[in-house]
Amino acid sequence: MTRVHVGADHAAFEMLTDLVAFLEAEGHDVTNHGPHAYDAQDDYPVFVLRAAEAVAADPASLGVVLGGSGNGEQMAANKVRGVRAALCWTDELARLAREHNDARVLSIGGRVTDPEVARSMVRAFLATPFSGEERHVRRLRMIEAYEADGTLPAAP
């Protein structure tokens, strides 16, 4: 069982509802950061940033953010310190985001992703651990150093 924080907007409201039910049926501890009702004028940052902040505050949790394309949602989630969000559209990308990049948030485009594919990607994302391989750790440390103080590694 994994603690999963989810957030979306109106463009992915149906998929959000479907994934919350799916995750709960799979036995996960789900926190739905909204929206909780359809509103064609809602703004994804309200819900996505709450989900990403909750993931950042809870190292044992993961997150899923959803929107029309998933692009803006990924960008918003990546603004939260300590969160790496990956926009995915296949199981393979979802697995690699976890295995190689230690992504903690999966972003999905509700208007461009079949619900069955979304469920499969979420399952793959949650089931895949970070490999911890030295090359991946080294690269993530470079990103973290840049985020912290703008340090760039020396060019080869």
Protein backbone atom coordinates (compact mmCIF):
# COMPACT_ATOMS: atom_id res chain seq x y z
CA MET A 1 0.00 0.00 0.00
CA THR A 2 1.22 3.48 -0.90
CA ARG A 3 0.00 6.89 0.21
CA VAL A 4 -0.99 8.68 -2.98
CA HIS A 5 -1.84 12.37 -3.30
CA VAL A 6 -3.87 13.34 -6.36
CA GLY A 7 -4.90 16.66 -7.85
CA ALA A 8 -6.41 17.71 -11.15
CA ASP A 9 -8.58 20.24 -12.90
CA HIS A 10 -11.88 20.22 -14.77
CA ALA A 11 -10.28 18.83 -17.95
CA ALA A 12 -9.37 15.63 -16.09
CA PHE A 13 -12.18 15.54 -13.53
CA GLU A 14 -13.60 12.24 -14.84
CA MET A 15 -10.17 10.62 -14.89
CA LEU A 16 -9.47 11.91 -11.37
CA THR A 17 -12.67 10.33 -10.12
CA ASP A 18 -11.85 7.08 -11.90
CA LEU A 19 -8.27 6.94 -10.59
CA VAL A 20 -9.27 7.70 -7.00
CA ALA A 21 -11.72 4.77 -7.08
CA PHE A 22 -9.12 2.56 -8.80
CA LEU A 23 -6.39 3.39 -6.28
CA GLU A 24 -8.67 2.83 -3.32
CA ALA A 25 -9.79 -0.51 -4.77
CA GLU A 26 -6.09 -1.45 -5.14
CA GLY A 27 -5.68 -0.79 -1.40
CA HIS A 28 -3.79 2.51 -1.55
CA ASP A 29 -4.27 5.34 0.93
CA VAL A 30 -5.51 8.14 -1.33
CA THR A 31 -5.83 11.84 -0.56
CA ASN A 32 -7.83 13.67 -3.20
CA HIS A 33 -6.76 17.33 -3.21
CA GLY A 34 -9.54 18.14 -5.66
CA PRO A 35 -11.44 19.27 -7.38
CA HIS A 36 -14.33 17.56 -5.64
CA ALA A 37 -16.96 18.85 -8.07
CA TYR A 38 -16.82 19.73 -11.75
CA ASP A 39 -16.21 23.43 -12.42
CA ALA A 40 -15.29 24.35 -15.99
CA GLN A 41 -13.53 27.50 -14.72
CA ASP A 42 -11.29 25.95 -12.05
CA ASP A 43 -7.52 26.43 -12.10
CA TYR A 44 -5.21 23.42 -11.90
CA PRO A 45 -2.49 25.07 -9.75
CA VAL A 46 -4.90 25.20 -6.78
CA PHE A 47 -5.22 21.41 -6.71
CA VAL A 48 -1.93 20.28 -8.24
CA LEU A 49 0.27 22.37 -5.95
CA ARG A 50 -1.56 21.03 -2.89
CA ALA A 51 -0.96 17.46 -4.06
CA ALA A 52 2.72 18.15 -4.82
CA GLU A 53 3.26 19.89 -1.46
CA ALA A 54 1.75 16.89 0.32
CA VAL A 55 4.14 14.56 -1.54
CA ALA A 56 7.11 16.77 -0.65
CA ALA A 57 6.07 16.75 3.02
CA ASP A 58 5.68 12.96 3.12
CA PRO A 59 8.73 11.08 1.75
CA ALA A 60 6.86 7.77 1.81
CA SER A 61 4.15 9.04 -0.53
CA LEU A 62 3.79 9.49 -4.28
CA GLY A 63 1.48 11.66 -6.35
CA VAL A 64 -0.58 11.81 -9.51
CA VAL A 65 -1.58 15.08 -11.14
CA LEU A 66 -3.95 15.40 -14.06
CA GLY A 67 -5.09 18.00 -16.54
CA GLY A 68 -6.06 18.29 -20.17
CA SER A 69 -2.55 17.63 -21.49
CA GLY A 70 -0.68 17.13 -18.22
CA ASN A 71 1.91 19.72 -19.27
CA GLY A 72 0.91 22.58 -17.01
CA GLU A 73 0.31 20.20 -14.14
CA GLN A 74 3.81 18.75 -14.47
CA MET A 75 5.30 22.25 -14.61
CA ALA A 76 3.39 23.35 -11.51
CA ALA A 77 4.31 20.23 -9.53
CA ASN A 78 7.97 20.69 -10.43
CA LYS A 79 7.94 24.12 -8.78
CA VAL A 80 7.56 22.43 -5.39
CA ARG A 81 11.00 21.91 -3.85
CA GLY A 82 11.82 18.24 -3.51
CA VAL A 83 9.33 17.08 -6.13
CA ARG A 84 10.23 15.61 -9.48
CA ALA A 85 7.16 15.26 -11.68
CA ALA A 86 7.17 13.34 -14.96
CA LEU A 87 4.67 13.67 -17.79
CA CYS A 88 4.07 10.15 -19.08
CA TRP A 89 1.90 8.50 -21.69
CA THR A 90 3.10 4.87 -21.52
CA ASP A 91 3.86 2.32 -18.82
CA GLU A 92 7.50 2.30 -19.92
CA LEU A 93 7.87 6.04 -19.35
CA ALA A 94 6.17 5.77 -15.96
CA ARG A 95 8.54 2.98 -14.91
CA LEU A 96 11.61 4.85 -16.14
CA ALA A 97 10.52 8.03 -14.38
CA ARG A 98 10.63 6.14 -11.08
CA GLU A 99 13.55 3.79 -11.80
CA HIS A 100 15.98 6.31 -13.30
CA ASN A 101 14.75 9.71 -12.09
CA ASP A 102 13.16 8.93 -8.73
CA ALA A 103 10.09 10.89 -9.86
CA ARG A 104 7.60 11.23 -7.04
CA VAL A 105 4.72 12.64 -9.08
CA LEU A 106 3.20 11.26 -12.27
CA SER A 107 1.48 13.73 -14.59
CA ILE A 108 -1.18 12.51 -17.03
CA GLY A 109 -3.16 14.28 -19.74
CA GLY A 110 -6.81 13.43 -19.21
CA ARG A 111 -7.86 14.56 -22.68
CA VAL A 112 -5.18 12.54 -24.45
CA THR A 113 -4.98 9.35 -22.38
CA ASP A 114 -7.37 6.42 -22.37
CA PRO A 115 -8.58 5.65 -18.82
CA GLU A 116 -7.30 2.07 -19.03
CA VAL A 117 -3.86 3.33 -20.06
CA ALA A 118 -3.93 5.84 -17.18
CA ARG A 119 -4.73 3.09 -14.66
CA SER A 120 -1.94 0.91 -16.07
CA MET A 121 0.59 3.77 -15.92
CA VAL A 122 -0.36 4.60 -12.35
CA ARG A 123 0.02 0.95 -11.37
CA ALA A 124 3.47 0.80 -13.05
CA PHE A 125 4.56 4.09 -11.44
CA LEU A 126 3.56 3.01 -7.95
CA ALA A 127 5.09 -0.45 -8.30
CA THR A 128 8.49 0.70 -9.54
CA PRO A 129 11.18 1.66 -7.03
CA PHE A 130 14.07 4.02 -7.71
CA SER A 131 17.05 1.90 -8.77
CA GLY A 132 19.54 3.84 -6.66
CA GLU A 133 22.22 3.19 -9.31
CA GLU A 134 25.21 5.48 -8.87
CA ARG A 135 24.83 7.13 -12.28
CA HIS A 136 21.22 8.06 -11.54
CA VAL A 137 22.05 9.30 -8.04
CA ARG A 138 24.91 11.38 -9.47
CA ARG A 139 22.63 13.01 -12.04
CA LEU A 140 19.94 13.76 -9.50
CA ARG A 141 22.53 15.37 -7.23
CA MET A 142 23.53 17.63 -10.12
CA ILE A 143 19.92 18.73 -10.56
CA GLU A 144 19.52 19.27 -6.81
CA ALA A 145 22.72 21.36 -6.66
CA TYR A 146 21.51 23.53 -9.49
CA GLU A 147 18.13 23.94 -7.83
CA ALA A 148 19.78 24.88 -4.52
CA ASP A 149 22.36 27.41 -5.68
CA GLY A 150 22.73 27.39 -9.45
CA THR A 151 25.81 25.18 -9.39
CA LEU A 152 26.53 23.66 -12.80
CA PRO A 153 28.80 20.64 -13.24
CA ALA A 154 32.00 21.18 -15.23
CA ALA A 155 31.64 20.38 -18.91
CA PRO A 156 33.64 17.36 -20.06
